[in-house]
């Protein structure tokens, strides 16, 4: 299975985490103070 990686730099990480949680209908798998990662197996 091939994976696709996207890196986005945003001004407000917390606001974007809320947005992507809603968009992907799942919580981020990895959360750090300056980083969030979603592992989507069926995007």
PDB file of N, CA and C in Angstrom:
ATOM      1  N   UNK A   1       0.845  -1.175   0.000  1.00  0.00           N
ATOM      2  CA  UNK A   1       0.000   0.000   0.000  1.00  0.00           C
ATOM      3  C   UNK A   1       0.893   1.242   0.000  1.00  0.00           C
ATOM      4  N   UNK A   2       0.676   2.115  -0.942  1.00  0.00           N
ATOM      5  CA  UNK A   2       1.435   3.360  -0.999  1.00  0.00           C
ATOM      6  C   UNK A   2       0.795   4.385  -0.078  1.00  0.00           C
ATOM      7  N   UNK A   3       1.618   5.239   0.474  1.00  0.00           N
ATOM      8  CA  UNK A   3       1.136   6.297   1.356  1.00  0.00           C
ATOM      9  C   UNK A   3       1.434   7.648   0.725  1.00  0.00           C
ATOM     10  N   UNK A   4       0.614   8.601   1.077  1.00  0.00           N
ATOM     11  CA  UNK A   4       0.761   9.955   0.582  1.00  0.00           C
ATOM     12  C   UNK A   4       0.912  10.871   1.786  1.00  0.00           C
ATOM     13  N   UNK A   5       1.921  11.722   1.791  1.00  0.00           N
ATOM     14  CA  UNK A   5       2.197  12.605   2.917  1.00  0.00           C
ATOM     15  C   UNK A   5       2.004  14.053   2.494  1.00  0.00           C
ATOM     16  N   UNK A   6       1.275  14.807   3.316  1.00  0.00           N
ATOM     17  CA  UNK A   6       1.069  16.229   3.050  1.00  0.00           C
ATOM     18  C   UNK A   6       1.492  17.004   4.288  1.00  0.00           C
ATOM     19  N   UNK A   7       2.297  18.021   4.101  1.00  0.00           N
ATOM     20  CA  UNK A   7       2.728  18.895   5.178  1.00  0.00           C
ATOM     21  C   UNK A   7       2.105  20.265   4.949  1.00  0.00           C
ATOM     22  N   UNK A   8       1.435  20.778   5.972  1.00  0.00           N
ATOM     23  CA  UNK A   8       0.833  22.110   5.889  1.00  0.00           C
ATOM     24  C   UNK A   8       1.306  22.952   7.059  1.00  0.00           C
ATOM     25  N   UNK A   9       1.706  24.163   6.781  1.00  0.00           N
ATOM     26  CA  UNK A   9       2.052  25.108   7.840  1.00  0.00           C
ATOM     27  C   UNK A   9       0.847  26.014   8.036  1.00  0.00           C
ATOM     28  N   UNK A  10       0.378  26.119   9.284  1.00  0.00           N
ATOM     29  CA  UNK A  10      -0.822  26.905   9.575  1.00  0.00           C
ATOM     30  C   UNK A  10      -0.528  27.912  10.682  1.00  0.00           C
ATOM     31  N   UNK A  11      -1.329  28.972  10.734  1.00  0.00           N
ATOM     32  CA  UNK A  11      -1.141  29.999  11.763  1.00  0.00           C
ATOM     33  C   UNK A  11      -1.700  29.556  13.113  1.00  0.00           C
ATOM     34  N   UNK A  12      -2.845  28.880  13.108  1.00  0.00           N
ATOM     35  CA  UNK A  12      -3.502  28.478  14.351  1.00  0.00           C
ATOM     36  C   UNK A  12      -3.699  26.968  14.346  1.00  0.00           C
ATOM     37  N   UNK A  13      -2.782  26.239  14.963  1.00  0.00           N
ATOM     38  CA  UNK A  13      -2.811  24.785  14.931  1.00  0.00           C
ATOM     39  C   UNK A  13      -4.075  24.229  15.581  1.00  0.00           C
ATOM     40  N   UNK A  14      -4.473  24.763  16.727  1.00  0.00           N
ATOM     41  CA  UNK A  14      -5.656  24.235  17.419  1.00  0.00           C
ATOM     42  C   UNK A  14      -6.925  24.387  16.578  1.00  0.00           C
ATOM     43  N   UNK A  15      -7.067  25.493  15.914  1.00  0.00           N
ATOM     44  CA  UNK A  15      -8.238  25.708  15.060  1.00  0.00           C
ATOM     45  C   UNK A  15      -8.221  24.738  13.882  1.00  0.00           C
ATOM     46  N   UNK A  16      -7.053  24.505  13.318  1.00  0.00           N
ATOM     47  CA  UNK A  16      -6.941  23.579  12.195  1.00  0.00           C
ATOM     48  C   UNK A  16      -7.121  22.133  12.621  1.00  0.00           C
ATOM     49  N   UNK A  17      -6.714  21.781  13.820  1.00  0.00           N
ATOM     50  CA  UNK A  17      -6.968  20.431  14.336  1.00  0.00           C
ATOM     51  C   UNK A  17      -8.472  20.188  14.415  1.00  0.00           C
ATOM     52  N   UNK A  18      -9.222  21.153  14.914  1.00  0.00           N
ATOM     53  CA  UNK A  18     -10.688  21.026  14.968  1.00  0.00           C
ATOM     54  C   UNK A  18     -11.252  20.830  13.560  1.00  0.00           C
ATOM     55  N   UNK A  19     -10.780  21.639  12.618  1.00  0.00           N
ATOM     56  CA  UNK A  19     -11.259  21.549  11.238  1.00  0.00           C
ATOM     57  C   UNK A  19     -10.994  20.168  10.643  1.00  0.00           C
ATOM     58  N   UNK A  20      -9.754  19.679  10.752  1.00  0.00           N
ATOM     59  CA  UNK A  20      -9.413  18.397  10.139  1.00  0.00           C
ATOM     60  C   UNK A  20     -10.032  17.218  10.884  1.00  0.00           C
ATOM     61  N   UNK A  21     -10.238  17.335  12.174  1.00  0.00           N
ATOM     62  CA  UNK A  21     -10.978  16.289  12.900  1.00  0.00           C
ATOM     63  C   UNK A  21     -12.383  16.158  12.320  1.00  0.00           C
ATOM     64  N   UNK A  22     -13.023  17.273  12.048  1.00  0.00           N
ATOM     65  CA  UNK A  22     -14.367  17.253  11.465  1.00  0.00           C
ATOM     66  C   UNK A  22     -14.321  16.758  10.015  1.00  0.00           C
ATOM     67  N   UNK A  23     -13.370  17.234   9.236  1.00  0.00           N
ATOM     68  CA  UNK A  23     -13.260  16.844   7.832  1.00  0.00           C
ATOM     69  C   UNK A  23     -13.021  15.339   7.687  1.00  0.00           C
ATOM     70  N   UNK A  24     -12.112  14.796   8.486  1.00  0.00           N
ATOM     71  CA  UNK A  24     -11.763  13.379   8.390  1.00  0.00           C
ATOM     72  C   UNK A  24     -12.669  12.489   9.242  1.00  0.00           C
ATOM     73  N   UNK A  25     -13.524  13.102  10.076  1.00  0.00           N
ATOM     74  CA  UNK A  25     -14.431  12.367  10.975  1.00  0.00           C
ATOM     75  C   UNK A  25     -13.675  11.435  11.912  1.00  0.00           C
ATOM     76  N   UNK A  26     -12.494  11.881  12.343  1.00  0.00           N
ATOM     77  CA  UNK A  26     -11.688  11.125  13.295  1.00  0.00           C
ATOM     78  C   UNK A  26     -10.695  12.073  13.968  1.00  0.00           C
ATOM     79  N   UNK A  27     -10.255  11.689  15.147  1.00  0.00           N
ATOM     80  CA  UNK A  27      -9.269  12.486  15.873  1.00  0.00           C
ATOM     81  C   UNK A  27      -7.876  12.236  15.302  1.00  0.00           C
ATOM     82  N   UNK A  28      -6.984  13.163  15.506  1.00  0.00           N
ATOM     83  CA  UNK A  28      -5.595  12.997  15.089  1.00  0.00           C
ATOM     84  C   UNK A  28      -4.970  11.842  15.867  1.00  0.00           C
ATOM     85  N   UNK A  29      -4.133  11.055  15.189  1.00  0.00           N
ATOM     86  CA  UNK A  29      -3.460   9.934  15.838  1.00  0.00           C
ATOM     87  C   UNK A  29      -2.287  10.393  16.694  1.00  0.00           C
ATOM     88  N   UNK A  30      -1.630  11.452  16.269  1.00  0.00           N
ATOM     89  CA  UNK A  30      -0.469  11.981  16.983  1.00  0.00           C
ATOM     90  C   UNK A  30      -0.677  13.473  17.208  1.00  0.00           C
ATOM     91  N   UNK A  31      -0.562  13.888  18.443  1.00  0.00           N
ATOM     92  CA  UNK A  31      -0.656  15.310  18.781  1.00  0.00           C
ATOM     93  C   UNK A  31       0.562  15.718  19.592  1.00  0.00           C
ATOM     94  N   UNK A  32       1.232  16.755  19.134  1.00  0.00           N
ATOM     95  CA  UNK A  32       2.354  17.352  19.847  1.00  0.00           C
ATOM     96  C   UNK A  32       2.080  18.848  19.910  1.00  0.00           C
ATOM     97  N   UNK A  33       2.803  19.595  20.707  1.00  0.00           N
ATOM     98  CA  UNK A  33       2.536  21.038  20.820  1.00  0.00           C
ATOM     99  C   UNK A  33       2.587  21.792  19.485  1.00  0.00           C
ATOM    100  N   UNK A  34       3.366  21.294  18.539  1.00  0.00           N
ATOM    101  CA  UNK A  34       3.498  21.984  17.253  1.00  0.00           C
ATOM    102  C   UNK A  34       3.239  21.067  16.059  1.00  0.00           C
ATOM    103  N   UNK A  35       2.474  19.985  16.271  1.00  0.00           N
ATOM    104  CA  UNK A  35       2.336  18.958  15.235  1.00  0.00           C
ATOM    105  C   UNK A  35       1.064  18.148  15.453  1.00  0.00           C
ATOM    106  N   UNK A  36       0.404  17.798  14.384  1.00  0.00           N
ATOM    107  CA  UNK A  36      -0.741  16.885  14.436  1.00  0.00           C
ATOM    108  C   UNK A  36      -0.662  15.968  13.224  1.00  0.00           C
ATOM    109  N   UNK A  37      -1.026  14.695  13.428  1.00  0.00           N
ATOM    110  CA  UNK A  37      -0.924  13.723  12.339  1.00  0.00           C
ATOM    111  C   UNK A  37      -2.157  12.821  12.341  1.00  0.00           C
ATOM    112  N   UNK A  38      -2.741  12.662  11.160  1.00  0.00           N
ATOM    113  CA  UNK A  38      -3.869  11.755  10.966  1.00  0.00           C
ATOM    114  C   UNK A  38      -3.392  10.630  10.068  1.00  0.00           C
ATOM    115  N   UNK A  39      -3.624   9.408  10.493  1.00  0.00           N
ATOM    116  CA  UNK A  39      -3.314   8.236   9.686  1.00  0.00           C
ATOM    117  C   UNK A  39      -4.634   7.726   9.114  1.00  0.00           C
ATOM    118  N   UNK A  40      -4.894   8.044   7.863  1.00  0.00           N
ATOM    119  CA  UNK A  40      -6.147   7.674   7.229  1.00  0.00           C
ATOM    120  C   UNK A  40      -5.929   6.451   6.349  1.00  0.00           C
ATOM    121  N   UNK A  41      -6.607   5.367   6.684  1.00  0.00           N
ATOM    122  CA  UNK A  41      -6.437   4.128   5.931  1.00  0.00           C
ATOM    123  C   UNK A  41      -7.362   4.065   4.732  1.00  0.00           C
ATOM    124  N   UNK A  42      -8.453   4.822   4.761  1.00  0.00           N
ATOM    125  CA  UNK A  42      -9.376   4.861   3.645  1.00  0.00           C
ATOM    126  C   UNK A  42      -9.875   6.297   3.455  1.00  0.00           C
ATOM    127  N   UNK A  43      -9.004   7.164   2.925  1.00  0.00           N
ATOM    128  CA  UNK A  43      -9.396   8.574   2.815  1.00  0.00           C
ATOM    129  C   UNK A  43     -10.438   8.729   1.741  1.00  0.00           C
TER     130      UNK A  43
END
